Amino acid sequence: MGSKLRIRHETRVGYPSPASSSYNEVRMSPLTLPTQTVLDSRVVVSPGVPLWSYWDYWGTQVTFFDLSEPHTNLSVTATSLVETSAPEPLPVPPDRVEIAERSADSRLTEYLAATPRTTVAAELADRAREAAAGLDAHEAAAAVTELVRERVAYLPGSTGVYSGAQDAWDQQAGVCQDYAHLTAALLRAVGLPARYVSGYLHPHSEAPRDRSVDGESHAWVEYWAGDWIGQDPTNGTRPGESHVVVARGREYGDVPPHKGVYRGAAGEMPQVRVEFTRLG
């Protein structure tokens, strides 16, 4: 028995004086996958302009647009209806030596390399390898996740969008983005290809049908063990019916929900609201 979720993701940007032009990309359209089916997805922009889309290198649907007329406000609203299901049982993983061999000469290599936000000190990488020593891939992933959860407390505002995995470890605090970056970094350190997942998590799994609740975007990881396996280090669970995948990449920099440039005076931070409604 699955779930049917409606997600409304709105981003508003205001400028102190008119921006003469802007160019924007948004990654807010969920993917259709074995565990989720997109029934409807649309992006609306105000001021109204033509929208285009493409699939990026990492397999994410990107909507892009530009505003060539002066404007003092910009709003982007993505609305999606997604049917989700529980994940399949964990498959028997290949031997970790086989995983290393198969990762060495394929696109999986990209998910083993450190990036600016997934770089950690050698001492921390060694600690992860010690925790995962002698374990199969699933056990190693669980050990790495537990290492992160024992160290890092969930504390909104403790980090910024440019913070990295080592920052979260050193200050022992972070948010879901930091949990995902740190877990991905340590999974790679133990030889498991890992990718950063951007999406949504319904905040109240038992919420009544047709009642809207406020939530946030969410981030977790997937590691490769013969197939891609999801792991939500923030909550210490496998992604389930309340998770909705939007984008995957090496780190946040590959999959930002909204990225843009504009010509004009410095503006305020974007105001973001995510609203969930369980329909079934």
Protein backbone atom coordinates (compact mmCIF):
# COMPACT_ATOMS: atom_id res chain seq x y z
CA MET A 1 0.00 0.00 0.00
CA GLY A 2 1.58 3.27 -1.11
CA SER A 3 0.97 6.95 -0.52
CA LYS A 4 -0.17 9.75 -2.76
CA LEU A 5 1.41 13.10 -1.93
CA ARG A 6 0.82 16.58 -3.27
CA ILE A 7 3.83 18.87 -2.81
CA ARG A 8 3.82 22.63 -3.29
CA HIS A 9 7.27 24.26 -3.23
CA GLU A 10 7.27 28.05 -3.44
CA THR A 11 10.33 30.32 -3.57
CA ARG A 12 9.99 34.09 -3.41
CA VAL A 13 12.76 36.61 -4.02
CA GLY A 14 12.45 40.37 -3.46
CA TYR A 15 14.82 43.09 -4.63
CA PRO A 16 15.25 46.54 -2.97
CA SER A 17 15.28 48.12 -6.43
CA PRO A 18 14.25 46.64 -9.77
CA ALA A 19 16.51 43.91 -11.11
CA SER A 20 17.07 44.68 -14.78
CA SER A 21 17.35 41.01 -15.75
CA SER A 22 17.83 37.53 -14.31
CA TYR A 23 18.52 33.97 -15.40
CA ASN A 24 17.27 31.05 -13.31
CA GLU A 25 17.36 27.26 -13.10
CA VAL A 26 15.12 25.22 -10.81
CA ARG A 27 15.28 21.56 -9.90
CA MET A 28 11.91 20.95 -8.28
CA SER A 29 10.35 18.29 -10.53
CA PRO A 30 10.30 14.80 -8.96
CA LEU A 31 11.55 11.79 -10.90
CA THR A 32 9.54 8.72 -11.86
CA LEU A 33 11.33 5.72 -10.32
CA PRO A 34 10.48 2.15 -9.29
CA THR A 35 9.39 3.46 -5.87
CA GLN A 36 7.59 6.61 -7.05
CA THR A 37 5.40 7.65 -9.97
CA VAL A 38 4.90 11.28 -10.91
CA LEU A 39 1.23 11.79 -11.78
CA ASP A 40 1.52 15.52 -12.35
CA SER A 41 4.29 18.12 -12.08
CA ARG A 42 4.37 21.74 -13.13
CA VAL A 43 6.34 24.92 -12.50
CA VAL A 44 4.77 28.39 -12.53
CA VAL A 45 6.80 31.61 -12.52
CA SER A 46 5.75 35.19 -11.77
CA PRO A 47 6.32 37.49 -13.62
CA GLY A 48 5.12 35.15 -16.32
CA VAL A 49 7.76 34.15 -18.86
CA PRO A 50 8.32 31.22 -21.20
CA LEU A 51 9.79 28.13 -19.50
CA TRP A 52 12.12 25.55 -21.00
CA SER A 53 13.46 22.30 -19.60
CA TYR A 54 16.29 19.84 -20.10
CA TRP A 55 17.80 16.80 -18.39
CA ASP A 56 21.17 17.53 -16.86
CA TYR A 57 24.22 15.27 -16.72
CA TRP A 58 23.09 13.71 -13.43
CA GLY A 59 19.61 12.80 -14.69
CA THR A 60 17.68 15.67 -13.14
CA GLN A 61 14.90 17.58 -14.89
CA VAL A 62 15.85 21.26 -14.94
CA THR A 63 13.40 24.08 -15.68
CA PHE A 64 15.06 27.30 -16.80
CA PHE A 65 13.90 30.78 -17.72
CA ASP A 66 15.12 34.34 -17.98
CA LEU A 67 13.55 37.68 -17.23
CA SER A 68 14.74 40.47 -19.50
CA GLU A 69 12.43 43.19 -18.14
CA PRO A 70 12.93 45.06 -14.83
CA HIS A 71 11.26 43.32 -11.88
CA THR A 72 11.16 43.81 -8.11
CA ASN A 73 9.91 40.33 -7.18
CA LEU A 74 10.25 36.80 -8.44
CA SER A 75 8.24 33.77 -7.39
CA VAL A 76 8.67 30.17 -8.49
CA THR A 77 6.02 27.63 -7.54
CA ALA A 78 6.43 23.94 -8.29
CA THR A 79 3.43 21.68 -7.67
CA SER A 80 3.69 17.90 -7.94
CA LEU A 81 1.47 14.89 -7.35
CA VAL A 82 3.47 11.75 -6.63
CA GLU A 83 2.49 8.19 -5.77
CA THR A 84 5.09 6.48 -3.61
CA SER A 85 5.68 2.95 -2.35
CA ALA A 86 7.86 1.24 0.22
CA PRO A 87 11.39 0.22 -0.82
CA GLU A 88 12.17 -3.34 -1.80
CA PRO A 89 14.00 -5.55 0.73
CA LEU A 90 17.75 -5.10 0.73
CA PRO A 91 19.36 -7.28 -1.95
CA VAL A 92 22.33 -9.50 -1.21
CA PRO A 93 25.29 -7.19 -1.87
CA PRO A 94 28.33 -8.05 -3.97
CA ASP A 95 31.58 -8.56 -2.16
CA ARG A 96 33.23 -5.21 -1.40
CA VAL A 97 36.23 -6.22 -3.50
CA GLU A 98 33.87 -6.76 -6.44
CA ILE A 99 32.26 -3.38 -5.77
CA ALA A 100 35.69 -1.76 -5.90
CA GLU A 101 36.54 -3.50 -9.17
CA ARG A 102 33.25 -2.57 -10.82
CA SER A 103 33.56 1.03 -9.62
CA ALA A 104 37.09 1.50 -10.95
CA ASP A 105 36.19 1.57 -14.64
CA SER A 106 32.69 3.01 -14.88
CA ARG A 107 30.65 6.11 -14.12
CA LEU A 108 30.58 4.91 -10.52
CA THR A 109 34.08 6.35 -10.21
CA GLU A 110 32.54 9.83 -10.12
CA TYR A 111 30.69 8.89 -6.94
CA LEU A 112 33.91 7.85 -5.20
CA ALA A 113 35.74 11.15 -5.68
CA ALA A 114 35.71 13.88 -3.06
CA THR A 115 34.05 17.21 -3.91
CA PRO A 116 34.36 20.58 -2.14
CA ARG A 117 31.50 19.74 0.23
CA THR A 118 32.41 16.04 0.72
CA THR A 119 36.09 16.39 1.58
CA VAL A 120 37.15 15.15 5.03
CA ALA A 121 40.44 14.88 6.87
CA ALA A 122 42.51 11.71 6.44
CA GLU A 123 42.06 10.89 10.13
CA LEU A 124 38.27 10.91 9.78
CA ALA A 125 38.40 8.77 6.63
CA ASP A 126 40.58 6.26 8.51
CA ARG A 127 38.07 6.20 11.36
CA ALA A 128 35.28 5.33 8.93
CA ARG A 129 37.37 2.54 7.40
CA GLU A 130 38.01 1.11 10.86
CA ALA A 131 34.28 1.15 11.65
CA ALA A 132 33.48 -0.65 8.37
CA ALA A 133 36.32 -3.18 8.46
CA GLY A 134 35.18 -6.76 7.80
CA LEU A 135 31.56 -5.80 7.12
CA ASP A 136 29.53 -6.34 3.97
CA ALA A 137 28.33 -3.30 2.02
CA HIS A 138 25.01 -2.87 3.85
CA GLU A 139 26.62 -3.36 7.24
CA ALA A 140 29.39 -0.92 6.33
CA ALA A 141 26.84 1.69 5.25
CA ALA A 142 24.97 1.21 8.52
CA ALA A 143 28.20 1.56 10.51
CA VAL A 144 29.11 4.79 8.69
CA THR A 145 25.62 6.20 9.23
CA GLU A 146 25.78 5.40 12.94
CA LEU A 147 29.19 7.08 13.17
CA VAL A 148 27.67 10.25 11.74
CA ARG A 149 24.56 10.14 13.91
CA GLU A 150 26.56 9.59 17.10
CA ARG A 151 28.69 12.64 16.35
CA VAL A 152 26.39 15.20 14.72
CA ALA A 153 23.34 16.76 16.39
CA TYR A 154 20.53 18.13 14.26
CA LEU A 155 20.65 21.90 14.79
CA PRO A 156 19.04 24.27 12.26
CA GLY A 157 21.08 27.38 11.59
CA SER A 158 24.35 25.80 12.68
CA THR A 159 25.70 25.62 9.13
CA GLY A 160 25.26 27.38 5.80
CA VAL A 161 24.72 26.31 2.21
CA TYR A 162 28.49 26.37 1.60
CA SER A 163 29.40 24.30 4.67
CA GLY A 164 31.16 21.00 4.09
CA ALA A 165 31.27 17.55 5.63
CA GLN A 166 34.28 18.30 7.80
CA ASP A 167 32.57 21.43 9.18
CA ALA A 168 29.62 19.38 10.43
CA TRP A 169 31.95 16.83 12.01
CA ASP A 170 34.12 19.45 13.73
CA GLN A 171 31.26 21.46 15.20
CA GLN A 172 29.18 18.34 15.91
CA ALA A 173 26.04 19.92 14.47
CA GLY A 174 24.27 20.38 11.17
CA VAL A 175 21.10 19.85 9.15
CA CYS A 176 20.06 17.22 6.62
CA GLN A 177 22.36 18.61 3.93
CA ASP A 178 25.32 18.21 6.28
CA TYR A 179 24.30 14.69 7.33
CA ALA A 180 24.11 13.74 3.66
CA HIS A 181 27.45 15.32 2.74
CA LEU A 182 29.26 13.75 5.69
CA THR A 183 27.71 10.33 5.17
CA ALA A 184 28.51 10.41 1.44
CA ALA A 185 32.10 11.39 2.21
CA LEU A 186 32.58 8.50 4.63
CA LEU A 187 30.83 5.98 2.39
CA ARG A 188 33.28 6.93 -0.36
CA ALA A 189 36.15 6.64 2.09
CA VAL A 190 35.24 2.98 2.74
CA GLY A 191 34.98 2.26 -1.00
CA LEU A 192 31.22 2.52 -1.55
CA PRO A 193 30.10 4.84 -4.38
CA ALA A 194 27.68 7.34 -2.86
CA ARG A 195 25.48 10.06 -4.26
CA TYR A 196 23.68 12.99 -2.70
CA VAL A 197 19.88 12.94 -3.05
CA SER A 198 17.73 16.06 -2.97
CA GLY A 199 13.99 15.79 -2.50
CA TYR A 200 11.18 15.99 -0.01
CA LEU A 201 10.13 14.22 3.18
CA HIS A 202 6.58 14.45 4.43
CA PRO A 203 7.09 15.60 8.06
CA HIS A 204 4.14 13.73 9.56
CA SER A 205 3.73 10.17 8.28
CA GLU A 206 0.41 9.76 10.10
CA ALA A 207 -1.10 13.08 8.98
CA PRO A 208 -4.79 12.87 8.05
CA ARG A 209 -5.67 12.79 4.39
CA ASP A 210 -6.39 16.08 2.64
CA ARG A 211 -4.83 18.13 5.44
CA SER A 212 -1.95 20.35 4.34
CA VAL A 213 1.12 20.65 6.56
CA ASP A 214 4.26 22.74 6.28
CA GLY A 215 7.56 20.97 5.71
CA GLU A 216 10.94 21.45 4.06
CA SER A 217 13.13 20.10 1.33
CA HIS A 218 15.19 17.14 2.47
CA ALA A 219 18.50 15.48 1.62
CA TRP A 220 19.78 11.93 2.04
CA VAL A 221 22.17 9.55 0.28
CA GLU A 222 22.26 6.45 -1.90
CA TYR A 223 25.16 4.03 -1.96
CA TRP A 224 25.91 1.47 -4.64
CA ALA A 225 25.98 -2.20 -3.68
CA GLY A 226 24.96 -3.92 -6.92
CA ASP A 227 22.11 -1.40 -7.08
CA TRP A 228 21.54 2.02 -5.56
CA ILE A 229 20.33 1.76 -1.96
CA GLY A 230 18.84 4.73 -0.11
CA GLN A 231 19.90 5.74 3.38
CA ASP A 232 18.51 8.70 5.35
CA PRO A 233 21.22 9.53 7.91
CA THR A 234 19.29 12.42 9.44
CA ASN A 235 16.54 10.06 10.59
CA GLY A 236 18.52 6.82 10.72
CA THR A 237 16.17 5.04 8.32
CA ARG A 238 15.88 3.85 4.76
CA PRO A 239 13.85 6.24 2.59
CA GLY A 240 10.23 5.13 2.44
CA GLU A 241 6.77 6.19 1.32
CA SER A 242 7.17 9.68 2.78
CA HIS A 243 10.34 10.40 0.74
CA VAL A 244 10.17 11.88 -2.76
CA VAL A 245 13.30 12.01 -4.94
CA VAL A 246 13.86 15.11 -7.07
CA ALA A 247 17.55 15.06 -7.96
CA ARG A 248 20.80 13.15 -7.45
CA GLY A 249 24.40 14.21 -7.80
CA ARG A 250 27.76 14.16 -6.09
CA GLU A 251 26.78 16.91 -3.63
CA TYR A 252 24.42 19.84 -3.16
CA GLY A 253 26.27 21.90 -5.76
CA ASP A 254 25.06 19.51 -8.48
CA VAL A 255 21.38 19.70 -7.49
CA PRO A 256 20.37 23.08 -5.96
CA PRO A 257 16.57 23.56 -6.03
CA HIS A 258 16.99 27.13 -7.30
CA LYS A 259 20.07 28.72 -8.84
CA GLY A 260 20.21 32.03 -10.63
CA VAL A 261 21.98 35.27 -11.35
CA TYR A 262 20.53 38.74 -11.74
CA ARG A 263 21.65 42.27 -12.57
CA GLY A 264 20.78 44.73 -9.82
CA ALA A 265 21.30 45.69 -6.19
CA ALA A 266 21.82 43.00 -3.56
CA GLY A 267 18.50 41.53 -2.48
CA GLU A 268 17.12 39.65 0.51
CA MET A 269 17.51 35.94 1.10
CA PRO A 270 14.86 33.91 -0.76
CA GLN A 271 11.75 32.99 1.22
CA VAL A 272 10.90 29.30 0.78
CA ARG A 273 7.77 27.41 1.76
CA VAL A 274 7.09 23.72 1.18
CA GLU A 275 3.58 22.36 1.77
CA PHE A 276 2.56 18.70 1.80
CA THR A 277 -0.87 17.14 1.45
CA ARG A 278 -1.46 13.41 1.81
CA LEU A 279 -4.21 12.32 -0.59
CA GLY A 280 -4.03 8.59 -0.14
